[in-house]
Amino acid sequence: QAIDDFQLTETELDGFGSLDEVAKKADDGQEQAITIMDRF
């Protein structure tokens, strides 16, 4: 349920189109993406 309910904030959506993009950028070491994945 938490996976299905997880949403990016409006601010986060400015930088990322989807959770997939966040995950990919987190793997690349992008700081904001890592922060979002930590919250997830």
PDB file of all heavy atoms in Angstrom:
ATOM      1  N   GLN A   1       0.836  -1.203   0.000  1.00  0.00           N
ATOM      2  CA  GLN A   1       0.000   0.000   0.000  1.00  0.00           C
ATOM      3  C   GLN A   1       0.874   1.258   0.000  1.00  0.00           C
ATOM      4  O   GLN A   1       0.608   2.210  -0.722  1.00  0.00           O
ATOM      5  CB  GLN A   1      -0.923  -0.005   1.224  1.00  0.00           C
ATOM      6  CG  GLN A   1      -2.001   1.050   1.189  1.00  0.00           C
ATOM      7  CD  GLN A   1      -3.015   0.805   0.078  1.00  0.00           C
ATOM      8  OE1 GLN A   1      -3.549  -0.290  -0.053  1.00  0.00           O
ATOM      9  NE2 GLN A   1      -3.268   1.821  -0.730  1.00  0.00           N
ATOM     10  N   ALA A   2       1.952   1.231   0.796  1.00  0.00           N
ATOM     11  CA  ALA A   2       2.859   2.378   0.863  1.00  0.00           C
ATOM     12  C   ALA A   2       3.523   2.623  -0.492  1.00  0.00           C
ATOM     13  O   ALA A   2       3.692   3.770  -0.910  1.00  0.00           O
ATOM     14  CB  ALA A   2       3.908   2.157   1.948  1.00  0.00           C
ATOM     15  N   ILE A   3       3.879   1.555  -1.186  1.00  0.00           N
ATOM     16  CA  ILE A   3       4.485   1.686  -2.515  1.00  0.00           C
ATOM     17  C   ILE A   3       3.488   2.341  -3.467  1.00  0.00           C
ATOM     18  O   ILE A   3       3.827   3.269  -4.198  1.00  0.00           O
ATOM     19  CB  ILE A   3       4.934   0.316  -3.061  1.00  0.00           C
ATOM     20  CG1 ILE A   3       6.102  -0.233  -2.239  1.00  0.00           C
ATOM     21  CG2 ILE A   3       5.324   0.426  -4.548  1.00  0.00           C
ATOM     22  CD1 ILE A   3       6.390  -1.711  -2.463  1.00  0.00           C
ATOM     23  N   ASP A   4       2.256   1.841  -3.445  1.00  0.00           N
ATOM     24  CA  ASP A   4       1.238   2.382  -4.358  1.00  0.00           C
ATOM     25  C   ASP A   4       0.871   3.824  -4.027  1.00  0.00           C
ATOM     26  O   ASP A   4       0.566   4.610  -4.919  1.00  0.00           O
ATOM     27  CB  ASP A   4      -0.025   1.516  -4.317  1.00  0.00           C
ATOM     28  CG  ASP A   4       0.198   0.152  -4.976  1.00  0.00           C
ATOM     29  OD1 ASP A   4       1.122   0.025  -5.803  1.00  0.00           O
ATOM     30  OD2 ASP A   4      -0.555  -0.776  -4.652  1.00  0.00           O
ATOM     31  N   ASP A   5       0.894   4.155  -2.733  1.00  0.00           N
ATOM     32  CA  ASP A   5       0.476   5.487  -2.299  1.00  0.00           C
ATOM     33  C   ASP A   5       1.569   6.542  -2.414  1.00  0.00           C
ATOM     34  O   ASP A   5       1.279   7.730  -2.385  1.00  0.00           O
ATOM     35  CB  ASP A   5       0.011   5.454  -0.831  1.00  0.00           C
ATOM     36  CG  ASP A   5      -1.313   4.714  -0.676  1.00  0.00           C
ATOM     37  OD1 ASP A   5      -1.961   4.413  -1.698  1.00  0.00           O
ATOM     38  OD2 ASP A   5      -1.684   4.438   0.472  1.00  0.00           O
ATOM     39  N   PHE A   6       2.830   6.111  -2.505  1.00  0.00           N
ATOM     40  CA  PHE A   6       3.936   7.068  -2.489  1.00  0.00           C
ATOM     41  C   PHE A   6       3.839   8.035  -3.659  1.00  0.00           C
ATOM     42  O   PHE A   6       3.675   7.625  -4.804  1.00  0.00           O
ATOM     43  CB  PHE A   6       5.274   6.331  -2.528  1.00  0.00           C
ATOM     44  CG  PHE A   6       6.455   7.253  -2.348  1.00  0.00           C
ATOM     45  CD1 PHE A   6       6.816   7.686  -1.088  1.00  0.00           C
ATOM     46  CD2 PHE A   6       7.178   7.710  -3.432  1.00  0.00           C
ATOM     47  CE1 PHE A   6       7.888   8.552  -0.907  1.00  0.00           C
ATOM     48  CE2 PHE A   6       8.246   8.571  -3.269  1.00  0.00           C
ATOM     49  CZ  PHE A   6       8.600   8.986  -2.000  1.00  0.00           C
ATOM     50  N   GLN A   7       3.915   9.316  -3.336  1.00  0.00           N
ATOM     51  CA  GLN A   7       3.838  10.353  -4.370  1.00  0.00           C
ATOM     52  C   GLN A   7       5.005  11.315  -4.219  1.00  0.00           C
ATOM     53  O   GLN A   7       5.452  11.593  -3.107  1.00  0.00           O
ATOM     54  CB  GLN A   7       2.534  11.159  -4.222  1.00  0.00           C
ATOM     55  CG  GLN A   7       1.275  10.344  -4.353  1.00  0.00           C
ATOM     56  CD  GLN A   7       1.043   9.845  -5.768  1.00  0.00           C
ATOM     57  OE1 GLN A   7       1.384  10.519  -6.738  1.00  0.00           O
ATOM     58  NE2 GLN A   7       0.471   8.661  -5.892  1.00  0.00           N
ATOM     59  N   LEU A   8       5.442  11.835  -5.343  1.00  0.00           N
ATOM     60  CA  LEU A   8       6.440  12.907  -5.301  1.00  0.00           C
ATOM     61  C   LEU A   8       5.711  14.198  -4.959  1.00  0.00           C
ATOM     62  O   LEU A   8       4.568  14.397  -5.364  1.00  0.00           O
ATOM     63  CB  LEU A   8       7.133  13.042  -6.662  1.00  0.00           C
ATOM     64  CG  LEU A   8       7.901  11.815  -7.156  1.00  0.00           C
ATOM     65  CD1 LEU A   8       8.486  12.095  -8.535  1.00  0.00           C
ATOM     66  CD2 LEU A   8       8.989  11.415  -6.189  1.00  0.00           C
ATOM     67  N   THR A   9       6.372  15.076  -4.210  1.00  0.00           N
ATOM     68  CA  THR A   9       5.781  16.377  -3.911  1.00  0.00           C
ATOM     69  C   THR A   9       5.828  17.235  -5.174  1.00  0.00           C
ATOM     70  O   THR A   9       6.541  16.914  -6.131  1.00  0.00           O
ATOM     71  CB  THR A   9       6.559  17.097  -2.791  1.00  0.00           C
ATOM     72  OG1 THR A   9       7.874  17.386  -3.277  1.00  0.00           O
ATOM     73  CG2 THR A   9       6.649  16.245  -1.532  1.00  0.00           C
ATOM     74  N   GLU A  10       5.105  18.339  -5.167  1.00  0.00           N
ATOM     75  CA  GLU A  10       5.109  19.219  -6.342  1.00  0.00           C
ATOM     76  C   GLU A  10       6.506  19.716  -6.648  1.00  0.00           C
ATOM     77  O   GLU A  10       6.905  19.820  -7.798  1.00  0.00           O
ATOM     78  CB  GLU A  10       4.151  20.398  -6.119  1.00  0.00           C
ATOM     79  CG  GLU A  10       2.714  19.933  -6.079  1.00  0.00           C
ATOM     80  CD  GLU A  10       1.738  21.010  -6.541  1.00  0.00           C
ATOM     81  OE1 GLU A  10       2.185  22.048  -7.057  1.00  0.00           O
ATOM     82  OE2 GLU A  10       0.534  20.767  -6.378  1.00  0.00           O
ATOM     83  N   THR A  11       7.270  20.028  -5.597  1.00  0.00           N
ATOM     84  CA  THR A  11       8.643  20.493  -5.780  1.00  0.00           C
ATOM     85  C   THR A  11       9.485  19.393  -6.420  1.00  0.00           C
ATOM     86  O   THR A  11      10.267  19.653  -7.344  1.00  0.00           O
ATOM     87  CB  THR A  11       9.274  20.867  -4.416  1.00  0.00           C
ATOM     88  OG1 THR A  11       8.386  21.748  -3.750  1.00  0.00           O
ATOM     89  CG2 THR A  11      10.611  21.534  -4.599  1.00  0.00           C
ATOM     90  N   GLU A  12       9.317  18.172  -5.931  1.00  0.00           N
ATOM     91  CA  GLU A  12      10.082  17.051  -6.481  1.00  0.00           C
ATOM     92  C   GLU A  12       9.711  16.780  -7.937  1.00  0.00           C
ATOM     93  O   GLU A  12      10.557  16.431  -8.752  1.00  0.00           O
ATOM     94  CB  GLU A  12       9.849  15.787  -5.631  1.00  0.00           C
ATOM     95  CG  GLU A  12      10.478  15.901  -4.248  1.00  0.00           C
ATOM     96  CD  GLU A  12       9.972  14.864  -3.257  1.00  0.00           C
ATOM     97  OE1 GLU A  12       9.043  14.088  -3.571  1.00  0.00           O
ATOM     98  OE2 GLU A  12      10.511  14.836  -2.145  1.00  0.00           O
ATOM     99  N   LEU A  13       8.424  16.975  -8.264  1.00  0.00           N
ATOM    100  CA  LEU A  13       7.973  16.741  -9.633  1.00  0.00           C
ATOM    101  C   LEU A  13       8.595  17.728 -10.620  1.00  0.00           C
ATOM    102  O   LEU A  13       8.658  17.450 -11.808  1.00  0.00           O
ATOM    103  CB  LEU A  13       6.441  16.816  -9.717  1.00  0.00           C
ATOM    104  CG  LEU A  13       5.710  15.578  -9.186  1.00  0.00           C
ATOM    105  CD1 LEU A  13       4.222  15.859  -9.063  1.00  0.00           C
ATOM    106  CD2 LEU A  13       5.957  14.370 -10.076  1.00  0.00           C
ATOM    107  N   ASP A  14       9.079  18.878 -10.117  1.00  0.00           N
ATOM    108  CA  ASP A  14       9.777  19.824 -10.990  1.00  0.00           C
ATOM    109  C   ASP A  14      11.061  19.203 -11.530  1.00  0.00           C
ATOM    110  O   ASP A  14      11.471  19.487 -12.649  1.00  0.00           O
ATOM    111  CB  ASP A  14      10.144  21.113 -10.233  1.00  0.00           C
ATOM    112  CG  ASP A  14       8.936  22.012 -10.031  1.00  0.00           C
ATOM    113  OD1 ASP A  14       7.914  21.793 -10.716  1.00  0.00           O
ATOM    114  OD2 ASP A  14       9.030  22.918  -9.203  1.00  0.00           O
ATOM    115  N   GLY A  15      11.697  18.358 -10.704  1.00  0.00           N
ATOM    116  CA  GLY A  15      12.981  17.798 -11.112  1.00  0.00           C
ATOM    117  C   GLY A  15      12.911  16.381 -11.646  1.00  0.00           C
ATOM    118  O   GLY A  15      13.835  15.918 -12.303  1.00  0.00           O
ATOM    119  N   PHE A  16      11.803  15.689 -11.360  1.00  0.00           N
ATOM    120  CA  PHE A  16      11.701  14.286 -11.728  1.00  0.00           C
ATOM    121  C   PHE A  16      10.320  13.983 -12.293  1.00  0.00           C
ATOM    122  O   PHE A  16       9.315  14.426 -11.754  1.00  0.00           O
ATOM    123  CB  PHE A  16      11.916  13.391 -10.497  1.00  0.00           C
ATOM    124  CG  PHE A  16      13.191  13.691  -9.757  1.00  0.00           C
ATOM    125  CD1 PHE A  16      13.189  14.520  -8.655  1.00  0.00           C
ATOM    126  CD2 PHE A  16      14.399  13.154 -10.177  1.00  0.00           C
ATOM    127  CE1 PHE A  16      14.356  14.809  -7.964  1.00  0.00           C
ATOM    128  CE2 PHE A  16      15.576  13.437  -9.501  1.00  0.00           C
ATOM    129  CZ  PHE A  16      15.561  14.264  -8.398  1.00  0.00           C
ATOM    130  N   GLY A  17      10.274  13.207 -13.357  1.00  0.00           N
ATOM    131  CA  GLY A  17       8.994  12.869 -13.954  1.00  0.00           C
ATOM    132  C   GLY A  17       8.283  11.734 -13.250  1.00  0.00           C
ATOM    133  O   GLY A  17       7.066  11.616 -13.326  1.00  0.00           O
ATOM    134  N   SER A  18       9.052  10.895 -12.563  1.00  0.00           N
ATOM    135  CA  SER A  18       8.453   9.707 -11.956  1.00  0.00           C
ATOM    136  C   SER A  18       9.399   9.135 -10.911  1.00  0.00           C
ATOM    137  O   SER A  18      10.572   9.518 -10.835  1.00  0.00           O
ATOM    138  CB  SER A  18       8.214   8.646 -13.025  1.00  0.00           C
ATOM    139  OG  SER A  18       9.463   8.190 -13.529  1.00  0.00           O
ATOM    140  N   LEU A  19       8.888   8.183 -10.148  1.00  0.00           N
ATOM    141  CA  LEU A  19       9.725   7.488  -9.181  1.00  0.00           C
ATOM    142  C   LEU A  19      10.851   6.742  -9.890  1.00  0.00           C
ATOM    143  O   LEU A  19      11.958   6.629  -9.369  1.00  0.00           O
ATOM    144  CB  LEU A  19       8.869   6.516  -8.351  1.00  0.00           C
ATOM    145  CG  LEU A  19       9.575   5.848  -7.164  1.00  0.00           C
ATOM    146  CD1 LEU A  19      10.075   6.884  -6.162  1.00  0.00           C
ATOM    147  CD2 LEU A  19       8.648   4.861  -6.472  1.00  0.00           C
ATOM    148  N   ASP A  20      10.589   6.249 -11.090  1.00  0.00           N
ATOM    149  CA  ASP A  20      11.630   5.549 -11.857  1.00  0.00           C
ATOM    150  C   ASP A  20      12.817   6.469 -12.121  1.00  0.00           C
ATOM    151  O   ASP A  20      13.973   6.071 -11.991  1.00  0.00           O
ATOM    152  CB  ASP A  20      11.083   5.056 -13.204  1.00  0.00           C
ATOM    153  CG  ASP A  20      10.012   3.988 -13.030  1.00  0.00           C
ATOM    154  OD1 ASP A  20       9.975   3.359 -11.961  1.00  0.00           O
ATOM    155  OD2 ASP A  20       9.224   3.796 -13.961  1.00  0.00           O
ATOM    156  N   GLU A  21      12.499   7.703 -12.504  1.00  0.00           N
ATOM    157  CA  GLU A  21      13.556   8.675 -12.781  1.00  0.00           C
ATOM    158  C   GLU A  21      14.333   8.990 -11.501  1.00  0.00           C
ATOM    159  O   GLU A  21      15.559   9.117 -11.518  1.00  0.00           O
ATOM    160  CB  GLU A  21      12.932   9.946 -13.367  1.00  0.00           C
ATOM    161  CG  GLU A  21      13.946  10.880 -13.986  1.00  0.00           C
ATOM    162  CD  GLU A  21      13.294  12.099 -14.632  1.00  0.00           C
ATOM    163  OE1 GLU A  21      12.121  12.022 -15.041  1.00  0.00           O
ATOM    164  OE2 GLU A  21      13.983  13.123 -14.700  1.00  0.00           O
ATOM    165  N   VAL A  22      13.613   9.101 -10.387  1.00  0.00           N
ATOM    166  CA  VAL A  22      14.251   9.344  -9.091  1.00  0.00           C
ATOM    167  C   VAL A  22      15.217   8.204  -8.764  1.00  0.00           C
ATOM    168  O   VAL A  22      16.373   8.438  -8.405  1.00  0.00           O
ATOM    169  CB  VAL A  22      13.201   9.482  -7.960  1.00  0.00           C
ATOM    170  CG1 VAL A  22      13.884   9.558  -6.606  1.00  0.00           C
ATOM    171  CG2 VAL A  22      12.329  10.712  -8.184  1.00  0.00           C
ATOM    172  N   ALA A  23      14.744   6.972  -8.915  1.00  0.00           N
ATOM    173  CA  ALA A  23      15.571   5.803  -8.596  1.00  0.00           C
ATOM    174  C   ALA A  23      16.831   5.774  -9.452  1.00  0.00           C
ATOM    175  O   ALA A  23      17.932   5.508  -8.960  1.00  0.00           O
ATOM    176  CB  ALA A  23      14.763   4.520  -8.793  1.00  0.00           C
ATOM    177  N   LYS A  24      16.670   6.076 -10.740  1.00  0.00           N
ATOM    178  CA  LYS A  24      17.810   6.076 -11.653  1.00  0.00           C
ATOM    179  C   LYS A  24      18.825   7.148 -11.247  1.00  0.00           C
ATOM    180  O   LYS A  24      20.021   6.899 -11.202  1.00  0.00           O
ATOM    181  CB  LYS A  24      17.295   6.315 -13.078  1.00  0.00           C
ATOM    182  CG  LYS A  24      18.345   6.156 -14.164  1.00  0.00           C
ATOM    183  CD  LYS A  24      17.665   6.250 -15.529  1.00  0.00           C
ATOM    184  CE  LYS A  24      18.579   5.906 -16.669  1.00  0.00           C
ATOM    185  NZ  LYS A  24      19.805   6.688 -16.729  1.00  0.00           N
ATOM    186  N   LYS A  25      18.325   8.343 -10.941  1.00  0.00           N
ATOM    187  CA  LYS A  25      19.225   9.432 -10.570  1.00  0.00           C
ATOM    188  C   LYS A  25      19.857   9.192  -9.198  1.00  0.00           C
ATOM    189  O   LYS A  25      20.997   9.596  -8.963  1.00  0.00           O
ATOM    190  CB  LYS A  25      18.497  10.776 -10.630  1.00  0.00           C
ATOM    191  CG  LYS A  25      18.211  11.195 -12.065  1.00  0.00           C
ATOM    192  CD  LYS A  25      17.609  12.579 -12.173  1.00  0.00           C
ATOM    193  CE  LYS A  25      17.435  12.964 -13.644  1.00  0.00           C
ATOM    194  NZ  LYS A  25      16.775  14.250 -13.797  1.00  0.00           N
ATOM    195  N   ALA A  26      19.137   8.533  -8.301  1.00  0.00           N
ATOM    196  CA  ALA A  26      19.708   8.192  -6.997  1.00  0.00           C
ATOM    197  C   ALA A  26      20.887   7.239  -7.196  1.00  0.00           C
ATOM    198  O   ALA A  26      21.913   7.363  -6.529  1.00  0.00           O
ATOM    199  CB  ALA A  26      18.648   7.575  -6.092  1.00  0.00           C
ATOM    200  N   ASP A  27      20.729   6.294  -8.117  1.00  0.00           N
ATOM    201  CA  ASP A  27      21.819   5.366  -8.427  1.00  0.00           C
ATOM    202  C   ASP A  27      23.039   6.112  -8.960  1.00  0.00           C
ATOM    203  O   ASP A  27      24.167   5.682  -8.765  1.00  0.00           O
ATOM    204  CB  ASP A  27      21.377   4.321  -9.462  1.00  0.00           C
ATOM    205  CG  ASP A  27      20.535   3.221  -8.844  1.00  0.00           C
ATOM    206  OD1 ASP A  27      20.527   3.103  -7.591  1.00  0.00           O
ATOM    207  OD2 ASP A  27      19.895   2.473  -9.590  1.00  0.00           O
ATOM    208  N   ASP A  28      22.778   7.224  -9.639  1.00  0.00           N
ATOM    209  CA  ASP A  28      23.870   8.040 -10.180  1.00  0.00           C
ATOM    210  C   ASP A  28      24.455   8.982  -9.128  1.00  0.00           C
ATOM    211  O   ASP A  28      25.371   9.745  -9.417  1.00  0.00           O
ATOM    212  CB  ASP A  28      23.378   8.874 -11.375  1.00  0.00           C
ATOM    213  CG  ASP A  28      23.015   8.004 -12.573  1.00  0.00           C
ATOM    214  OD1 ASP A  28      23.487   6.845 -12.640  1.00  0.00           O
ATOM    215  OD2 ASP A  28      22.250   8.474 -13.433  1.00  0.00           O
ATOM    216  N   GLY A  29      23.893   8.955  -7.915  1.00  0.00           N
ATOM    217  CA  GLY A  29      24.437   9.772  -6.830  1.00  0.00           C
ATOM    218  C   GLY A  29      23.838  11.159  -6.710  1.00  0.00           C
ATOM    219  O   GLY A  29      24.368  12.009  -5.999  1.00  0.00           O
ATOM    220  N   GLN A  30      22.732  11.423  -7.401  1.00  0.00           N
ATOM    221  CA  GLN A  30      22.106  12.741  -7.344  1.00  0.00           C
ATOM    222  C   GLN A  30      21.466  12.946  -5.975  1.00  0.00           C
ATOM    223  O   GLN A  30      20.647  12.143  -5.539  1.00  0.00           O
ATOM    224  CB  GLN A  30      21.071  12.835  -8.481  1.00  0.00           C
ATOM    225  CG  GLN A  30      20.884  14.237  -9.017  1.00  0.00           C
ATOM    226  CD  GLN A  30      19.620  14.877  -8.508  1.00  0.00           C
ATOM    227  OE1 GLN A  30      19.071  14.502  -7.473  1.00  0.00           O
ATOM    228  NE2 GLN A  30      19.153  15.870  -9.234  1.00  0.00           N
ATOM    229  N   GLU A  31      21.865  14.023  -5.310  1.00  0.00           N
ATOM    230  CA  GLU A  31      21.512  14.222  -3.902  1.00  0.00           C
ATOM    231  C   GLU A  31      20.015  14.281  -3.621  1.00  0.00           C
ATOM    232  O   GLU A  31      19.517  13.631  -2.712  1.00  0.00           O
ATOM    233  CB  GLU A  31      22.194  15.495  -3.392  1.00  0.00           C
ATOM    234  CG  GLU A  31      22.343  15.517  -1.888  1.00  0.00           C
ATOM    235  CD  GLU A  31      23.253  16.647  -1.425  1.00  0.00           C
ATOM    236  OE1 GLU A  31      24.355  16.792  -1.985  1.00  0.00           O
ATOM    237  OE2 GLU A  31      22.843  17.358  -0.505  1.00  0.00           O
ATOM    238  N   GLN A  32      19.272  15.090  -4.384  1.00  0.00           N
ATOM    239  CA  GLN A  32      17.831  15.198  -4.141  1.00  0.00           C
ATOM    240  C   GLN A  32      17.151  13.845  -4.361  1.00  0.00           C
ATOM    241  O   GLN A  32      16.259  13.458  -3.609  1.00  0.00           O
ATOM    242  CB  GLN A  32      17.193  16.256  -5.039  1.00  0.00           C
ATOM    243  CG  GLN A  32      15.712  16.470  -4.696  1.00  0.00           C
ATOM    244  CD  GLN A  32      15.005  17.403  -5.663  1.00  0.00           C
ATOM    245  OE1 GLN A  32      15.532  17.763  -6.714  1.00  0.00           O
ATOM    246  NE2 GLN A  32      13.788  17.791  -5.321  1.00  0.00           N
ATOM    247  N   ALA A  33      17.588  13.124  -5.370  1.00  0.00           N
ATOM    248  CA  ALA A  33      17.002  11.809  -5.658  1.00  0.00           C
ATOM    249  C   ALA A  33      17.246  10.852  -4.495  1.00  0.00           C
ATOM    250  O   ALA A  33      16.358  10.091  -4.107  1.00  0.00           O
ATOM    251  CB  ALA A  33      17.585  11.247  -6.952  1.00  0.00           C
ATOM    252  N   ILE A  34      18.433  10.890  -3.940  1.00  0.00           N
ATOM    253  CA  ILE A  34      18.756  10.028  -2.792  1.00  0.00           C
ATOM    254  C   ILE A  34      17.851  10.372  -1.609  1.00  0.00           C
ATOM    255  O   ILE A  34      17.331   9.482  -0.932  1.00  0.00           O
ATOM    256  CB  ILE A  34      20.253  10.154  -2.428  1.00  0.00           C
ATOM    257  CG1 ILE A  34      21.106   9.538  -3.539  1.00  0.00           C
ATOM    258  CG2 ILE A  34      20.541   9.482  -1.079  1.00  0.00           C
ATOM    259  CD1 ILE A  34      22.595   9.834  -3.428  1.00  0.00           C
ATOM    260  N   THR A  35      17.625  11.659  -1.380  1.00  0.00           N
ATOM    261  CA  THR A  35      16.749  12.109  -0.298  1.00  0.00           C
ATOM    262  C   THR A  35      15.335  11.568  -0.489  1.00  0.00           C
ATOM    263  O   THR A  35      14.693  11.106   0.458  1.00  0.00           O
ATOM    264  CB  THR A  35      16.717  13.653  -0.241  1.00  0.00           C
ATOM    265  OG1 THR A  35      18.052  14.122  -0.056  1.00  0.00           O
ATOM    266  CG2 THR A  35      15.846  14.154   0.894  1.00  0.00           C
ATOM    267  N   ILE A  36      14.836  11.610  -1.722  1.00  0.00           N
ATOM    268  CA  ILE A  36      13.492  11.110  -2.013  1.00  0.00           C
ATOM    269  C   ILE A  36      13.435   9.602  -1.783  1.00  0.00           C
ATOM    270  O   ILE A  36      12.491   9.090  -1.170  1.00  0.00           O
ATOM    271  CB  ILE A  36      13.074  11.444  -3.463  1.00  0.00           C
ATOM    272  CG1 ILE A  36      12.991  12.973  -3.644  1.00  0.00           C
ATOM    273  CG2 ILE A  36      11.728  10.788  -3.798  1.00  0.00           C
ATOM    274  CD1 ILE A  36      12.865  13.416  -5.087  1.00  0.00           C
ATOM    275  N   MET A  37      14.455   8.873  -2.230  1.00  0.00           N
ATOM    276  CA  MET A  37      14.469   7.420  -2.040  1.00  0.00           C
ATOM    277  C   MET A  37      14.539   7.071  -0.551  1.00  0.00           C
ATOM    278  O   MET A  37      13.924   6.103  -0.105  1.00  0.00           O
ATOM    279  CB  MET A  37      15.624   6.776  -2.809  1.00  0.00           C
ATOM    280  CG  MET A  37      15.480   6.848  -4.331  1.00  0.00           C
ATOM    281  SD  MET A  37      13.886   6.242  -4.993  1.00  0.00           S
ATOM    282  CE  MET A  37      14.039   4.481  -4.662  1.00  0.00           C
ATOM    283  N   ASP A  38      15.259   7.882   0.207  1.00  0.00           N
ATOM    284  CA  ASP A  38      15.315   7.666   1.661  1.00  0.00           C
ATOM    285  C   ASP A  38      13.918   7.810   2.274  1.00  0.00           C
ATOM    286  O   ASP A  38      13.518   7.022   3.127  1.00  0.00           O
ATOM    287  CB  ASP A  38      16.274   8.666   2.328  1.00  0.00           C
ATOM    288  CG  ASP A  38      17.736   8.330   2.089  1.00  0.00           C
ATOM    289  OD1 ASP A  38      18.026   7.207   1.623  1.00  0.00           O
ATOM    290  OD2 ASP A  38      18.589   9.183   2.378  1.00  0.00           O
ATOM    291  N   ARG A  39      13.186   8.828   1.818  1.00  0.00           N
ATOM    292  CA  ARG A  39      11.823   9.058   2.324  1.00  0.00           C
ATOM    293  C   ARG A  39      10.921   7.880   1.945  1.00  0.00           C
ATOM    294  O   ARG A  39      10.127   7.393   2.757  1.00  0.00           O
ATOM    295  CB  ARG A  39      11.263  10.370   1.749  1.00  0.00           C
ATOM    296  CG  ARG A  39       9.863  10.713   2.224  1.00  0.00           C
ATOM    297  CD  ARG A  39       9.486  12.153   1.923  1.00  0.00           C
ATOM    298  NE  ARG A  39       9.496  12.496   0.510  1.00  0.00           N
ATOM    299  CZ  ARG A  39       8.453  12.292  -0.313  1.00  0.00           C
ATOM    300  NH1 ARG A  39       7.347  11.737   0.117  1.00  0.00           N
ATOM    301  NH2 ARG A  39       8.534  12.648  -1.580  1.00  0.00           N
ATOM    302  N   PHE A  40      11.066   7.396   0.724  1.00  0.00           N
ATOM    303  CA  PHE A  40      10.309   6.243   0.248  1.00  0.00           C
ATOM    304  C   PHE A  40      10.592   5.028   1.139  1.00  0.00           C
ATOM    305  O   PHE A  40       9.678   4.358   1.619  1.00  0.00           O
ATOM    306  CB  PHE A  40      10.709   5.975  -1.208  1.00  0.00           C
ATOM    307  CG  PHE A  40      10.000   4.811  -1.856  1.00  0.00           C
ATOM    308  CD1 PHE A  40       8.627   4.701  -1.835  1.00  0.00           C
ATOM    309  CD2 PHE A  40      10.731   3.856  -2.545  1.00  0.00           C
ATOM    310  CE1 PHE A  40       7.986   3.636  -2.459  1.00  0.00           C
ATOM    311  CE2 PHE A  40      10.100   2.793  -3.165  1.00  0.00           C
ATOM    312  CZ  PHE A  40       8.726   2.686  -3.136  1.00  0.00           C
TER     313      PHE A  40
END
